[in-house]
Amino acid sequence: MISVADLLTNNRIPGNYFAIDAYVRGDLEMGLLENRRGDRLLALPETLIQAIFSGLQKETGQASSLVLFNCGRWWGRNFYTRFREELTDYYGTALADMAMSEFLNSLQSCWVAYGWGKIELDQSYQQRGFLIVKIWGSPFASQAPKGELPVCFLEAGVLSSFFSQLTGRELHCIQTACESLGADCNQFVLGLTKRIQPAEIMVENRLDHDSIMQKLCA
C-alpha cells in the first residue's frame, strides 16, 4: 500500500504557485506589495498608465509606440527571468522540462496575479511558424488614448522578449486586434521578424486579424 508520505515531495504537494491569495502579499501600514518569495511588486494606478501614454505622446509623438515597445522588451526580459526562477525554485524543475499544460497554467495564473488580464495561447498557426496570443481585460488597452490603430505596444514588447527567451529564437510581435477598437480581445502574432513584418502594413491598412493571418500564411 502507498503511504501518504510516499505521495509527498519535500513534505509538500506543489499547488498553483501564482494563486492570487498566496502570491500577492501586502503590508498596508508600510505601503508595500511583495510576492510570496519576498520580491517587491509595483502597483500601477490607472492615472499613472494614462499619464505614461499622454506624456510619451506629447514628448515623442509618433515615436511613442516604438518607445513603449522597447520598454516592453526590457520589461519582458526581466519578467521571463523572474518567472523562470520562481517556477524552478518552487517546482524543482527547469522551465524547459515542465509539461506544456503546467507551463500554460502557470503563465495564465501569473498574468492574472499581475493584473494584466487573462491570457491564452492559440497554436492554430504553429505549423506555419506563427503563435497567436489573446489577452482579455488589458489595463493598457483600456487606459490608452482611443485612436484608429491597436495601442498595446508595451504588451507586444513584453511578449516578444518573453517568447524570444523561452524559445531561444529572436521573435517579433505585432498586435492585430485591440479592445480599444471594439474587438472582443487583444490579439498578437509572434513569429520570425522577416516573416511577420508585412503584418505591420496590413494593420496600418486596417485589415482584420483573420485577413492578416491568411495573407501571412499565403
N, C-alpha and C. Protein backbone atom coordinates (compact mmCIF):
# COMPACT_ATOMS: atom_id res chain seq x y z
N MET A 1 0.85 -1.19 0.00
CA MET A 1 0.00 0.00 0.00
C MET A 1 0.89 1.25 0.00
N ILE A 2 0.50 2.26 -0.78
CA ILE A 2 1.25 3.51 -0.84
C ILE A 2 0.86 4.39 0.34
N SER A 3 1.83 4.83 1.09
CA SER A 3 1.56 5.68 2.23
C SER A 3 1.44 7.14 1.78
N VAL A 4 0.84 7.96 2.65
CA VAL A 4 0.72 9.37 2.35
C VAL A 4 2.09 10.00 2.19
N ALA A 5 3.05 9.57 3.00
CA ALA A 5 4.40 10.13 2.94
C ALA A 5 5.03 9.91 1.56
N ASP A 6 4.70 8.77 0.91
CA ASP A 6 5.26 8.49 -0.40
C ASP A 6 4.72 9.42 -1.47
N LEU A 7 3.57 10.03 -1.20
CA LEU A 7 2.96 10.92 -2.18
C LEU A 7 3.46 12.35 -2.07
N LEU A 8 4.19 12.61 -1.00
CA LEU A 8 4.67 13.97 -0.77
C LEU A 8 6.08 14.13 -1.27
N THR A 9 6.38 15.32 -1.77
CA THR A 9 7.74 15.67 -2.19
C THR A 9 8.22 16.80 -1.31
N ASN A 10 9.29 16.56 -0.58
CA ASN A 10 9.78 17.55 0.37
C ASN A 10 8.68 17.96 1.35
N ASN A 11 7.86 16.97 1.73
CA ASN A 11 6.79 17.19 2.71
C ASN A 11 5.73 18.18 2.24
N ARG A 12 5.56 18.32 0.94
CA ARG A 12 4.50 19.20 0.44
C ARG A 12 4.13 18.76 -0.97
N ILE A 13 2.90 19.07 -1.36
CA ILE A 13 2.45 18.84 -2.72
C ILE A 13 2.33 20.21 -3.38
N PRO A 14 3.17 20.51 -4.39
CA PRO A 14 3.12 21.83 -5.01
C PRO A 14 1.74 22.13 -5.58
N GLY A 15 1.24 23.33 -5.30
CA GLY A 15 -0.03 23.76 -5.85
C GLY A 15 0.19 24.80 -6.93
N ASN A 16 -0.78 25.69 -7.08
CA ASN A 16 -0.67 26.77 -8.06
C ASN A 16 0.18 27.89 -7.45
N TYR A 17 1.40 28.03 -7.89
CA TYR A 17 2.32 28.99 -7.29
C TYR A 17 1.78 30.42 -7.38
N PHE A 18 1.10 30.74 -8.49
CA PHE A 18 0.65 32.12 -8.72
C PHE A 18 -0.79 32.37 -8.27
N ALA A 19 -1.34 31.48 -7.45
CA ALA A 19 -2.68 31.74 -6.90
C ALA A 19 -2.65 33.08 -6.16
N ILE A 20 -3.58 33.97 -6.53
CA ILE A 20 -3.53 35.35 -6.04
C ILE A 20 -3.49 35.44 -4.52
N ASP A 21 -4.33 34.64 -3.84
CA ASP A 21 -4.40 34.75 -2.38
C ASP A 21 -3.10 34.32 -1.71
N ALA A 22 -2.25 33.58 -2.44
CA ALA A 22 -0.97 33.15 -1.86
C ALA A 22 0.21 33.92 -2.43
N TYR A 23 0.06 34.41 -3.66
CA TYR A 23 1.21 35.02 -4.34
C TYR A 23 1.42 36.48 -3.95
N VAL A 24 0.36 37.25 -3.91
CA VAL A 24 0.47 38.68 -3.62
C VAL A 24 0.26 38.93 -2.13
N ARG A 25 1.26 39.58 -1.51
CA ARG A 25 1.19 39.87 -0.09
C ARG A 25 1.44 41.35 0.12
N GLY A 26 0.63 41.97 0.98
CA GLY A 26 0.76 43.40 1.18
C GLY A 26 0.87 43.78 2.64
N ASP A 27 1.52 44.91 2.89
CA ASP A 27 1.61 45.49 4.22
C ASP A 27 1.03 46.90 4.12
N LEU A 28 -0.23 47.05 4.55
CA LEU A 28 -0.92 48.33 4.40
C LEU A 28 -0.23 49.45 5.16
N GLU A 29 0.29 49.14 6.34
CA GLU A 29 0.94 50.17 7.15
C GLU A 29 2.21 50.69 6.48
N MET A 30 2.96 49.77 5.86
CA MET A 30 4.21 50.16 5.19
C MET A 30 3.98 50.56 3.74
N GLY A 31 2.80 50.24 3.21
CA GLY A 31 2.52 50.56 1.82
C GLY A 31 3.34 49.72 0.86
N LEU A 32 3.58 48.43 1.21
CA LEU A 32 4.43 47.57 0.39
C LEU A 32 3.62 46.41 -0.20
N LEU A 33 4.01 46.02 -1.40
CA LEU A 33 3.47 44.83 -2.04
C LEU A 33 4.63 43.90 -2.35
N GLU A 34 4.48 42.63 -2.02
CA GLU A 34 5.53 41.64 -2.29
C GLU A 34 4.89 40.37 -2.83
N ASN A 35 5.71 39.58 -3.52
CA ASN A 35 5.23 38.25 -3.91
C ASN A 35 5.60 37.27 -2.81
N ARG A 36 5.25 36.03 -2.98
CA ARG A 36 5.45 35.04 -1.91
C ARG A 36 6.93 34.75 -1.67
N ARG A 37 7.80 35.16 -2.60
CA ARG A 37 9.24 34.97 -2.43
C ARG A 37 9.89 36.16 -1.73
N GLY A 38 9.11 37.24 -1.54
CA GLY A 38 9.65 38.42 -0.89
C GLY A 38 10.13 39.49 -1.84
N ASP A 39 9.95 39.29 -3.15
CA ASP A 39 10.33 40.31 -4.13
C ASP A 39 9.30 41.42 -4.13
N ARG A 40 9.76 42.65 -4.31
CA ARG A 40 8.85 43.79 -4.32
C ARG A 40 8.01 43.82 -5.59
N LEU A 41 6.74 44.17 -5.45
CA LEU A 41 5.83 44.36 -6.57
C LEU A 41 5.42 45.83 -6.63
N LEU A 42 5.09 46.28 -7.82
CA LEU A 42 4.72 47.67 -8.02
C LEU A 42 3.29 47.75 -8.55
N ALA A 43 2.46 48.54 -7.88
CA ALA A 43 1.09 48.76 -8.33
C ALA A 43 1.05 49.99 -9.23
N LEU A 44 0.43 49.85 -10.39
CA LEU A 44 0.32 50.96 -11.33
C LEU A 44 -1.12 51.46 -11.35
N PRO A 45 -1.40 52.64 -10.77
CA PRO A 45 -2.76 53.18 -10.81
C PRO A 45 -3.16 53.54 -12.24
N GLU A 46 -4.45 53.56 -12.50
CA GLU A 46 -4.93 53.90 -13.84
C GLU A 46 -4.45 55.28 -14.28
N THR A 47 -4.42 56.22 -13.34
CA THR A 47 -3.99 57.57 -13.70
C THR A 47 -2.53 57.60 -14.16
N LEU A 48 -1.68 56.72 -13.58
CA LEU A 48 -0.28 56.68 -13.98
C LEU A 48 -0.16 56.10 -15.39
N ILE A 49 -0.92 55.05 -15.68
CA ILE A 49 -0.89 54.46 -17.03
C ILE A 49 -1.35 55.49 -18.06
N GLN A 50 -2.40 56.23 -17.72
CA GLN A 50 -2.89 57.27 -18.63
C GLN A 50 -1.82 58.35 -18.83
N ALA A 51 -1.12 58.72 -17.75
CA ALA A 51 -0.10 59.75 -17.83
C ALA A 51 1.09 59.29 -18.68
N ILE A 52 1.44 58.01 -18.58
CA ILE A 52 2.54 57.48 -19.40
C ILE A 52 2.21 57.60 -20.87
N PHE A 53 1.00 57.21 -21.24
CA PHE A 53 0.59 57.30 -22.64
C PHE A 53 0.59 58.75 -23.12
N SER A 54 -0.06 59.63 -22.36
CA SER A 54 -0.18 61.02 -22.80
C SER A 54 1.17 61.73 -22.78
N GLY A 55 2.01 61.43 -21.77
CA GLY A 55 3.32 62.07 -21.68
C GLY A 55 4.23 61.67 -22.82
N LEU A 56 4.24 60.38 -23.16
CA LEU A 56 5.06 59.92 -24.28
C LEU A 56 4.57 60.49 -25.60
N GLN A 57 3.25 60.56 -25.75
CA GLN A 57 2.69 61.11 -26.98
C GLN A 57 3.10 62.58 -27.14
N LYS A 58 3.10 63.32 -26.04
CA LYS A 58 3.45 64.73 -26.09
C LYS A 58 4.94 64.93 -26.35
N GLU A 59 5.78 64.09 -25.75
CA GLU A 59 7.23 64.27 -25.84
C GLU A 59 7.84 63.62 -27.09
N THR A 60 7.28 62.50 -27.53
CA THR A 60 7.91 61.77 -28.64
C THR A 60 7.03 61.64 -29.87
N GLY A 61 5.76 62.03 -29.79
CA GLY A 61 4.89 61.98 -30.95
C GLY A 61 4.69 60.57 -31.47
N GLN A 62 4.87 60.38 -32.78
CA GLN A 62 4.65 59.07 -33.39
C GLN A 62 5.64 58.02 -32.90
N ALA A 63 6.76 58.46 -32.36
CA ALA A 63 7.76 57.50 -31.86
C ALA A 63 7.35 56.88 -30.54
N SER A 64 6.24 57.33 -29.95
CA SER A 64 5.82 56.80 -28.65
C SER A 64 5.55 55.30 -28.72
N SER A 65 5.04 54.82 -29.85
CA SER A 65 4.77 53.39 -29.98
C SER A 65 6.06 52.58 -29.92
N LEU A 66 7.13 53.07 -30.56
CA LEU A 66 8.42 52.38 -30.52
C LEU A 66 9.02 52.42 -29.12
N VAL A 67 8.87 53.56 -28.44
CA VAL A 67 9.38 53.70 -27.08
C VAL A 67 8.68 52.68 -26.16
N LEU A 68 7.36 52.59 -26.28
CA LEU A 68 6.61 51.65 -25.46
C LEU A 68 7.00 50.20 -25.77
N PHE A 69 7.17 49.90 -27.06
CA PHE A 69 7.56 48.54 -27.45
C PHE A 69 8.92 48.18 -26.85
N ASN A 70 9.89 49.09 -26.94
CA ASN A 70 11.23 48.81 -26.40
C ASN A 70 11.21 48.71 -24.88
N CYS A 71 10.37 49.54 -24.24
CA CYS A 71 10.21 49.41 -22.78
C CYS A 71 9.63 48.04 -22.44
N GLY A 72 8.67 47.59 -23.26
CA GLY A 72 8.07 46.29 -23.05
C GLY A 72 9.09 45.16 -23.21
N ARG A 73 10.00 45.30 -24.17
CA ARG A 73 11.03 44.27 -24.36
C ARG A 73 11.95 44.19 -23.13
N TRP A 74 12.30 45.35 -22.58
CA TRP A 74 13.13 45.35 -21.37
C TRP A 74 12.35 44.71 -20.22
N TRP A 75 11.10 45.09 -20.09
CA TRP A 75 10.23 44.54 -19.05
C TRP A 75 10.09 43.04 -19.24
N GLY A 76 9.91 42.60 -20.49
CA GLY A 76 9.73 41.20 -20.79
C GLY A 76 10.94 40.35 -20.42
N ARG A 77 12.14 40.89 -20.64
CA ARG A 77 13.35 40.15 -20.27
C ARG A 77 13.40 39.89 -18.77
N ASN A 78 13.10 40.93 -18.01
CA ASN A 78 13.10 40.78 -16.55
C ASN A 78 11.95 39.89 -16.07
N PHE A 79 10.82 40.01 -16.73
CA PHE A 79 9.67 39.17 -16.38
C PHE A 79 9.98 37.70 -16.62
N TYR A 80 10.61 37.39 -17.75
CA TYR A 80 10.96 36.00 -18.05
C TYR A 80 11.93 35.45 -17.00
N THR A 81 12.93 36.25 -16.65
CA THR A 81 13.92 35.79 -15.67
C THR A 81 13.26 35.48 -14.33
N ARG A 82 12.39 36.37 -13.88
CA ARG A 82 11.70 36.14 -12.60
C ARG A 82 10.76 34.94 -12.70
N PHE A 83 10.02 34.86 -13.78
CA PHE A 83 9.07 33.76 -13.98
C PHE A 83 9.80 32.42 -13.96
N ARG A 84 10.91 32.34 -14.66
CA ARG A 84 11.69 31.09 -14.73
C ARG A 84 12.25 30.74 -13.36
N GLU A 85 12.83 31.71 -12.66
CA GLU A 85 13.44 31.44 -11.36
C GLU A 85 12.39 31.00 -10.34
N GLU A 86 11.24 31.67 -10.33
CA GLU A 86 10.22 31.34 -9.35
C GLU A 86 9.67 29.93 -9.56
N LEU A 87 9.39 29.58 -10.82
CA LEU A 87 8.84 28.25 -11.09
C LEU A 87 9.88 27.17 -10.83
N THR A 88 11.14 27.42 -11.22
CA THR A 88 12.19 26.43 -10.99
C THR A 88 12.39 26.18 -9.51
N ASP A 89 12.42 27.26 -8.71
CA ASP A 89 12.59 27.11 -7.26
C ASP A 89 11.41 26.38 -6.62
N TYR A 90 10.21 26.67 -7.09
CA TYR A 90 9.02 26.12 -6.45
C TYR A 90 8.78 24.66 -6.82
N TYR A 91 8.88 24.37 -8.12
CA TYR A 91 8.58 23.01 -8.58
C TYR A 91 9.81 22.11 -8.63
N GLY A 92 10.99 22.71 -8.53
CA GLY A 92 12.21 21.91 -8.61
C GLY A 92 12.45 21.33 -9.99
N THR A 93 11.91 21.99 -11.01
CA THR A 93 12.04 21.53 -12.39
C THR A 93 12.39 22.70 -13.28
N ALA A 94 13.33 22.52 -14.17
CA ALA A 94 13.70 23.57 -15.11
C ALA A 94 12.50 23.90 -16.00
N LEU A 95 12.37 25.16 -16.38
CA LEU A 95 11.24 25.58 -17.19
C LEU A 95 11.14 24.76 -18.48
N ALA A 96 12.29 24.46 -19.07
CA ALA A 96 12.31 23.70 -20.33
C ALA A 96 11.80 22.28 -20.15
N ASP A 97 11.82 21.78 -18.91
CA ASP A 97 11.40 20.39 -18.64
C ASP A 97 9.96 20.29 -18.14
N MET A 98 9.29 21.42 -17.97
CA MET A 98 7.91 21.40 -17.49
C MET A 98 6.98 20.90 -18.57
N ALA A 99 5.91 20.23 -18.16
CA ALA A 99 4.88 19.82 -19.10
C ALA A 99 4.20 21.08 -19.66
N MET A 100 3.79 21.02 -20.92
CA MET A 100 3.18 22.18 -21.55
C MET A 100 1.95 22.66 -20.79
N SER A 101 1.13 21.73 -20.31
CA SER A 101 -0.07 22.11 -19.58
C SER A 101 0.27 22.86 -18.30
N GLU A 102 1.32 22.43 -17.62
CA GLU A 102 1.75 23.07 -16.38
C GLU A 102 2.32 24.46 -16.66
N PHE A 103 3.09 24.58 -17.75
CA PHE A 103 3.63 25.87 -18.13
C PHE A 103 2.51 26.85 -18.47
N LEU A 104 1.54 26.42 -19.28
CA LEU A 104 0.45 27.31 -19.68
C LEU A 104 -0.38 27.74 -18.48
N ASN A 105 -0.66 26.81 -17.58
CA ASN A 105 -1.44 27.15 -16.39
C ASN A 105 -0.70 28.17 -15.53
N SER A 106 0.62 28.02 -15.42
CA SER A 106 1.42 28.95 -14.62
C SER A 106 1.44 30.33 -15.26
N LEU A 107 1.60 30.38 -16.59
CA LEU A 107 1.63 31.66 -17.28
C LEU A 107 0.29 32.38 -17.16
N GLN A 108 -0.79 31.65 -17.33
CA GLN A 108 -2.12 32.25 -17.22
C GLN A 108 -2.39 32.76 -15.81
N SER A 109 -2.01 31.98 -14.82
CA SER A 109 -2.22 32.40 -13.43
C SER A 109 -1.35 33.59 -13.09
N CYS A 110 -0.12 33.61 -13.60
CA CYS A 110 0.79 34.72 -13.36
C CYS A 110 0.24 36.00 -13.96
N TRP A 111 -0.28 35.91 -15.17
CA TRP A 111 -0.82 37.09 -15.87
C TRP A 111 -1.97 37.70 -15.08
N VAL A 112 -2.82 36.83 -14.53
CA VAL A 112 -3.95 37.30 -13.72
C VAL A 112 -3.45 37.93 -12.42
N ALA A 113 -2.48 37.27 -11.78
CA ALA A 113 -1.96 37.75 -10.50
C ALA A 113 -1.33 39.14 -10.64
N TYR A 114 -0.71 39.39 -11.78
CA TYR A 114 -0.09 40.69 -12.02
C TYR A 114 -1.10 41.76 -12.44
N GLY A 115 -2.35 41.36 -12.64
CA GLY A 115 -3.38 42.33 -13.01
C GLY A 115 -3.35 42.73 -14.46
N TRP A 116 -2.78 41.85 -15.31
CA TRP A 116 -2.67 42.17 -16.74
C TRP A 116 -3.83 41.62 -17.56
N GLY A 117 -4.83 41.03 -16.92
CA GLY A 117 -5.96 40.46 -17.63
C GLY A 117 -5.86 38.95 -17.74
N LYS A 118 -6.50 38.40 -18.74
CA LYS A 118 -6.50 36.95 -19.00
C LYS A 118 -5.77 36.68 -20.30
N ILE A 119 -4.85 35.72 -20.29
CA ILE A 119 -4.05 35.42 -21.47
C ILE A 119 -4.30 33.99 -21.94
N GLU A 120 -4.25 33.80 -23.24
CA GLU A 120 -4.44 32.47 -23.83
C GLU A 120 -3.56 32.36 -25.07
N LEU A 121 -2.95 31.19 -25.26
CA LEU A 121 -2.13 30.94 -26.43
C LEU A 121 -2.92 30.13 -27.44
N ASP A 122 -2.94 30.60 -28.68
CA ASP A 122 -3.64 29.93 -29.77
C ASP A 122 -2.58 29.37 -30.72
N GLN A 123 -2.49 28.05 -30.78
CA GLN A 123 -1.46 27.40 -31.59
C GLN A 123 -1.98 26.94 -32.96
N SER A 124 -3.08 27.55 -33.43
CA SER A 124 -3.68 27.14 -34.69
C SER A 124 -2.73 27.30 -35.87
N TYR A 125 -1.82 28.28 -35.78
CA TYR A 125 -0.90 28.55 -36.89
C TYR A 125 0.53 28.11 -36.57
N GLN A 126 0.68 27.25 -35.58
CA GLN A 126 2.01 26.84 -35.16
C GLN A 126 2.78 26.17 -36.30
N GLN A 127 2.10 25.34 -37.08
CA GLN A 127 2.77 24.64 -38.17
C GLN A 127 3.21 25.60 -39.27
N ARG A 128 2.64 26.80 -39.29
CA ARG A 128 3.04 27.80 -40.29
C ARG A 128 4.08 28.77 -39.74
N GLY A 129 4.47 28.55 -38.48
CA GLY A 129 5.53 29.37 -37.89
C GLY A 129 5.06 30.58 -37.12
N PHE A 130 3.77 30.61 -36.74
CA PHE A 130 3.23 31.75 -36.01
C PHE A 130 2.53 31.29 -34.73
N LEU A 131 2.61 32.10 -33.71
CA LEU A 131 1.90 31.86 -32.45
C LEU A 131 0.98 33.05 -32.20
N ILE A 132 -0.28 32.76 -31.92
CA ILE A 132 -1.25 33.81 -31.61
C ILE A 132 -1.43 33.89 -30.10
N VAL A 133 -1.36 35.09 -29.57
CA VAL A 133 -1.60 35.31 -28.14
C VAL A 133 -2.84 36.20 -28.00
N LYS A 134 -3.79 35.76 -27.19
CA LYS A 134 -5.01 36.53 -26.95
C LYS A 134 -5.02 37.01 -25.50
N ILE A 135 -5.40 38.27 -25.32
CA ILE A 135 -5.48 38.85 -23.97
C ILE A 135 -6.81 39.56 -23.81
N TRP A 136 -7.50 39.24 -22.75
CA TRP A 136 -8.77 39.90 -22.41
C TRP A 136 -8.56 40.79 -21.19
N GLY A 137 -9.25 41.92 -21.16
CA GLY A 137 -9.23 42.78 -19.98
C GLY A 137 -7.89 43.45 -19.74
N SER A 138 -7.21 43.84 -20.81
CA SER A 138 -5.91 44.51 -20.66
C SER A 138 -6.07 45.90 -20.06
N PRO A 139 -5.34 46.20 -18.97
CA PRO A 139 -5.41 47.55 -18.39
C PRO A 139 -4.76 48.58 -19.31
N PHE A 140 -3.85 48.15 -20.17
CA PHE A 140 -3.18 49.08 -21.08
C PHE A 140 -4.11 49.48 -22.23
N ALA A 141 -4.87 48.52 -22.74
CA ALA A 141 -5.82 48.83 -23.81
C ALA A 141 -6.94 49.74 -23.30
N SER A 142 -7.36 49.52 -22.06
CA SER A 142 -8.48 50.30 -21.52
C SER A 142 -8.10 51.73 -21.17
N GLN A 143 -6.82 51.97 -20.87
CA GLN A 143 -6.39 53.30 -20.43
C GLN A 143 -5.67 54.10 -21.52
N ALA A 144 -5.37 53.48 -22.64
CA ALA A 144 -4.67 54.19 -23.72
C ALA A 144 -5.63 55.13 -24.43
N PRO A 145 -5.11 56.23 -24.99
CA PRO A 145 -5.95 57.14 -25.77
C PRO A 145 -6.56 56.39 -26.95
N LYS A 146 -7.83 56.63 -27.21
CA LYS A 146 -8.51 55.97 -28.31
C LYS A 146 -8.02 56.52 -29.65
N GLY A 147 -7.80 55.62 -30.60
CA GLY A 147 -7.34 56.02 -31.92
C GLY A 147 -7.90 55.09 -32.96
N GLU A 148 -7.20 54.97 -34.08
CA GLU A 148 -7.67 54.13 -35.18
C GLU A 148 -6.86 52.85 -35.32
N LEU A 149 -5.79 52.70 -34.53
CA LEU A 149 -4.92 51.53 -34.61
C LEU A 149 -4.76 50.90 -33.23
N PRO A 150 -4.33 49.63 -33.16
CA PRO A 150 -4.07 48.98 -31.87
C PRO A 150 -3.07 49.77 -31.04
N VAL A 151 -3.19 49.67 -29.72
CA VAL A 151 -2.39 50.54 -28.84
C VAL A 151 -1.52 49.79 -27.83
N CYS A 152 -1.56 48.45 -27.83
CA CYS A 152 -0.86 47.70 -26.77
C CYS A 152 0.60 47.41 -27.15
N PHE A 153 1.35 48.46 -27.43
CA PHE A 153 2.75 48.29 -27.83
C PHE A 153 3.60 47.76 -26.68
N LEU A 154 3.27 48.17 -25.46
CA LEU A 154 4.01 47.70 -24.29
C LEU A 154 3.88 46.18 -24.15
N GLU A 155 2.67 45.68 -24.27
CA GLU A 155 2.44 44.24 -24.16
C GLU A 155 3.09 43.49 -25.31
N ALA A 156 3.05 44.08 -26.51
CA ALA A 156 3.70 43.43 -27.65
C ALA A 156 5.19 43.27 -27.39
N GLY A 157 5.80 44.28 -26.78
CA GLY A 157 7.22 44.19 -26.44
C GLY A 157 7.49 43.12 -25.39
N VAL A 158 6.63 43.05 -24.38
CA VAL A 158 6.77 42.03 -23.34
C VAL A 158 6.69 40.63 -23.95
N LEU A 159 5.70 40.41 -24.79
CA LEU A 159 5.51 39.09 -25.41
C LEU A 159 6.67 38.74 -26.33
N SER A 160 7.14 39.72 -27.08
CA SER A 160 8.27 39.50 -27.99
C SER A 160 9.50 39.03 -27.23
N SER A 161 9.84 39.72 -26.16
CA SER A 161 11.02 39.38 -25.38
C SER A 161 10.85 38.07 -24.62
N PHE A 162 9.68 37.89 -24.01
CA PHE A 162 9.42 36.69 -23.21
C PHE A 162 9.56 35.43 -24.06
N PHE A 163 8.88 35.41 -25.21
CA PHE A 163 8.89 34.19 -26.03
C PHE A 163 10.19 34.05 -26.81
N SER A 164 10.91 35.13 -27.03
CA SER A 164 12.24 35.01 -27.64
C SER A 164 13.18 34.26 -26.71
N GLN A 165 13.14 34.61 -25.44
CA GLN A 165 13.99 33.93 -24.46
C GLN A 165 13.52 32.49 -24.22
N LEU A 166 12.22 32.30 -24.24
CA LEU A 166 11.67 30.96 -23.99
C LEU A 166 12.06 29.99 -25.11
N THR A 167 12.03 30.47 -26.36
CA THR A 167 12.30 29.60 -27.50
C THR A 167 13.75 29.63 -27.94
N GLY A 168 14.52 30.63 -27.50
CA GLY A 168 15.90 30.75 -27.94
C GLY A 168 16.03 31.29 -29.35
N ARG A 169 14.95 31.88 -29.89
CA ARG A 169 14.97 32.48 -31.21
C ARG A 169 14.45 33.91 -31.12
N GLU A 170 14.99 34.79 -31.94
CA GLU A 170 14.58 36.19 -31.90
C GLU A 170 13.23 36.35 -32.59
N LEU A 171 12.19 36.62 -31.81
CA LEU A 171 10.84 36.74 -32.34
C LEU A 171 10.33 38.17 -32.26
N HIS A 172 9.51 38.52 -33.22
CA HIS A 172 8.88 39.84 -33.22
C HIS A 172 7.40 39.64 -32.92
N CYS A 173 6.74 40.69 -32.46
CA CYS A 173 5.33 40.59 -32.09
C CYS A 173 4.58 41.81 -32.61
N ILE A 174 3.44 41.55 -33.26
CA ILE A 174 2.61 42.63 -33.80
C ILE A 174 1.17 42.41 -33.34
N GLN A 175 0.53 43.47 -32.88
CA GLN A 175 -0.86 43.38 -32.45
C GLN A 175 -1.78 43.56 -33.66
N THR A 176 -2.72 42.64 -33.80
CA THR A 176 -3.61 42.68 -34.96
C THR A 176 -5.07 42.99 -34.61
N ALA A 177 -5.41 42.95 -33.33
CA ALA A 177 -6.76 43.29 -32.88
C ALA A 177 -6.65 43.91 -31.50
N CYS A 178 -7.53 44.87 -31.21
CA CYS A 178 -7.40 45.61 -29.95
C CYS A 178 -8.76 45.90 -29.34
N GLU A 179 -8.84 45.73 -28.03
CA GLU A 179 -10.08 46.02 -27.31
C GLU A 179 -10.45 47.49 -27.43
N SER A 180 -9.44 48.37 -27.56
CA SER A 180 -9.73 49.80 -27.67
C SER A 180 -10.45 50.14 -28.97
N LEU A 181 -10.43 49.21 -29.94
CA LEU A 181 -11.10 49.42 -31.22
C LEU A 181 -12.39 48.61 -31.32
N GLY A 182 -12.82 48.04 -30.20
CA GLY A 182 -14.07 47.31 -30.17
C GLY A 182 -13.94 45.80 -30.33
N ALA A 183 -12.71 45.28 -30.46
CA ALA A 183 -12.51 43.83 -30.57
C ALA A 183 -12.83 43.17 -29.24
N ASP A 184 -13.25 41.89 -29.29
CA ASP A 184 -13.58 41.21 -28.04
C ASP A 184 -12.34 40.86 -27.23
N CYS A 185 -11.17 40.87 -27.87
CA CYS A 185 -9.92 40.65 -27.14
C CYS A 185 -8.77 41.24 -27.94
N ASN A 186 -7.63 41.39 -27.29
CA ASN A 186 -6.42 41.83 -27.98
C ASN A 186 -5.73 40.61 -28.56
N GLN A 187 -5.35 40.68 -29.83
CA GLN A 187 -4.67 39.55 -30.46
C GLN A 187 -3.29 39.99 -30.95
N PHE A 188 -2.31 39.15 -30.67
CA PHE A 188 -0.93 39.42 -31.05
C PHE A 188 -0.40 38.24 -31.85
N VAL A 189 0.42 38.54 -32.86
CA VAL A 189 1.03 37.49 -33.67
C VAL A 189 2.53 37.50 -33.42
N LEU A 190 3.08 36.34 -33.08
CA LEU A 190 4.51 36.18 -32.84
C LEU A 190 5.11 35.32 -33.94
N GLY A 191 6.28 35.73 -34.41
CA GLY A 191 6.97 34.96 -35.43
C GLY A 191 8.33 35.57 -35.72
N LEU A 192 9.09 34.94 -36.62
CA LEU A 192 10.38 35.49 -37.02
C LEU A 192 10.17 36.84 -37.69
N THR A 193 11.07 37.77 -37.44
CA THR A 193 10.89 39.16 -37.88
C THR A 193 10.60 39.28 -39.36
N LYS A 194 11.39 38.62 -40.20
CA LYS A 194 11.21 38.76 -41.65
C LYS A 194 9.84 38.26 -42.11
N ARG A 195 9.33 37.25 -41.44
CA ARG A 195 8.05 36.69 -41.85
C ARG A 195 6.87 37.50 -41.35
N ILE A 196 7.07 38.20 -40.25
CA ILE A 196 5.92 38.87 -39.64
C ILE A 196 5.85 40.37 -39.95
N GLN A 197 6.95 40.94 -40.43
CA GLN A 197 6.97 42.38 -40.70
C GLN A 197 5.89 42.86 -41.67
N PRO A 198 5.54 42.09 -42.70
CA PRO A 198 4.47 42.55 -43.60
C PRO A 198 3.16 42.86 -42.89
N ALA A 199 2.95 42.26 -41.71
CA ALA A 199 1.70 42.49 -40.97
C ALA A 199 1.59 43.94 -40.49
N GLU A 200 2.73 44.61 -40.32
CA GLU A 200 2.68 46.00 -39.86
C GLU A 200 1.92 46.87 -40.85
N ILE A 201 2.19 46.69 -42.14
CA ILE A 201 1.48 47.46 -43.17
C ILE A 201 0.01 47.07 -43.21
N MET A 202 -0.26 45.79 -43.03
CA MET A 202 -1.65 45.32 -43.05
C MET A 202 -2.45 45.94 -41.91
N VAL A 203 -1.83 46.04 -40.72
CA VAL A 203 -2.51 46.67 -39.58
C VAL A 203 -2.78 48.13 -39.88
N GLU A 204 -1.80 48.83 -40.45
CA GLU A 204 -1.98 50.23 -40.80
C GLU A 204 -3.08 50.41 -41.84
N ASN A 205 -3.27 49.40 -42.69
CA ASN A 205 -4.32 49.45 -43.72
C ASN A 205 -5.66 48.96 -43.21
N ARG A 206 -5.75 48.73 -41.90
CA ARG A 206 -6.99 48.36 -41.20
C ARG A 206 -7.52 46.98 -41.56
N LEU A 207 -6.65 46.05 -41.95
CA LEU A 207 -7.10 44.68 -42.19
C LEU A 207 -7.41 44.02 -40.86
N ASP A 208 -8.41 43.14 -40.84
CA ASP A 208 -8.74 42.46 -39.60
C ASP A 208 -7.78 41.29 -39.37
N HIS A 209 -7.86 40.70 -38.18
CA HIS A 209 -6.92 39.66 -37.79
C HIS A 209 -6.94 38.47 -38.74
N ASP A 210 -8.13 37.98 -39.07
CA ASP A 210 -8.21 36.80 -39.93
C ASP A 210 -7.63 37.06 -41.31
N SER A 211 -7.87 38.24 -41.85
CA SER A 211 -7.33 38.58 -43.17
C SER A 211 -5.81 38.67 -43.12
N ILE A 212 -5.29 39.21 -42.04
CA ILE A 212 -3.83 39.31 -41.88
C ILE A 212 -3.20 37.92 -41.83
N MET A 213 -3.81 37.03 -41.10
CA MET A 213 -3.25 35.68 -40.97
C MET A 213 -3.31 34.93 -42.30
N GLN A 214 -4.37 35.13 -43.05
CA GLN A 214 -4.47 34.48 -44.37
C GLN A 214 -3.36 34.95 -45.29
N LYS A 215 -3.07 36.25 -45.27
CA LYS A 215 -2.01 36.78 -46.12
C LYS A 215 -0.63 36.35 -45.65
N LEU A 216 -0.42 36.29 -44.33
CA LEU A 216 0.89 35.86 -43.81
C LEU A 216 1.15 34.40 -44.15
N CYS A 217 0.10 33.60 -44.18
CA CYS A 217 0.28 32.16 -44.44
C CYS A 217 0.20 31.81 -45.92
N ALA A 218 -0.13 32.79 -46.76
CA ALA A 218 -0.27 32.50 -48.19
C ALA A 218 1.08 32.12 -48.80
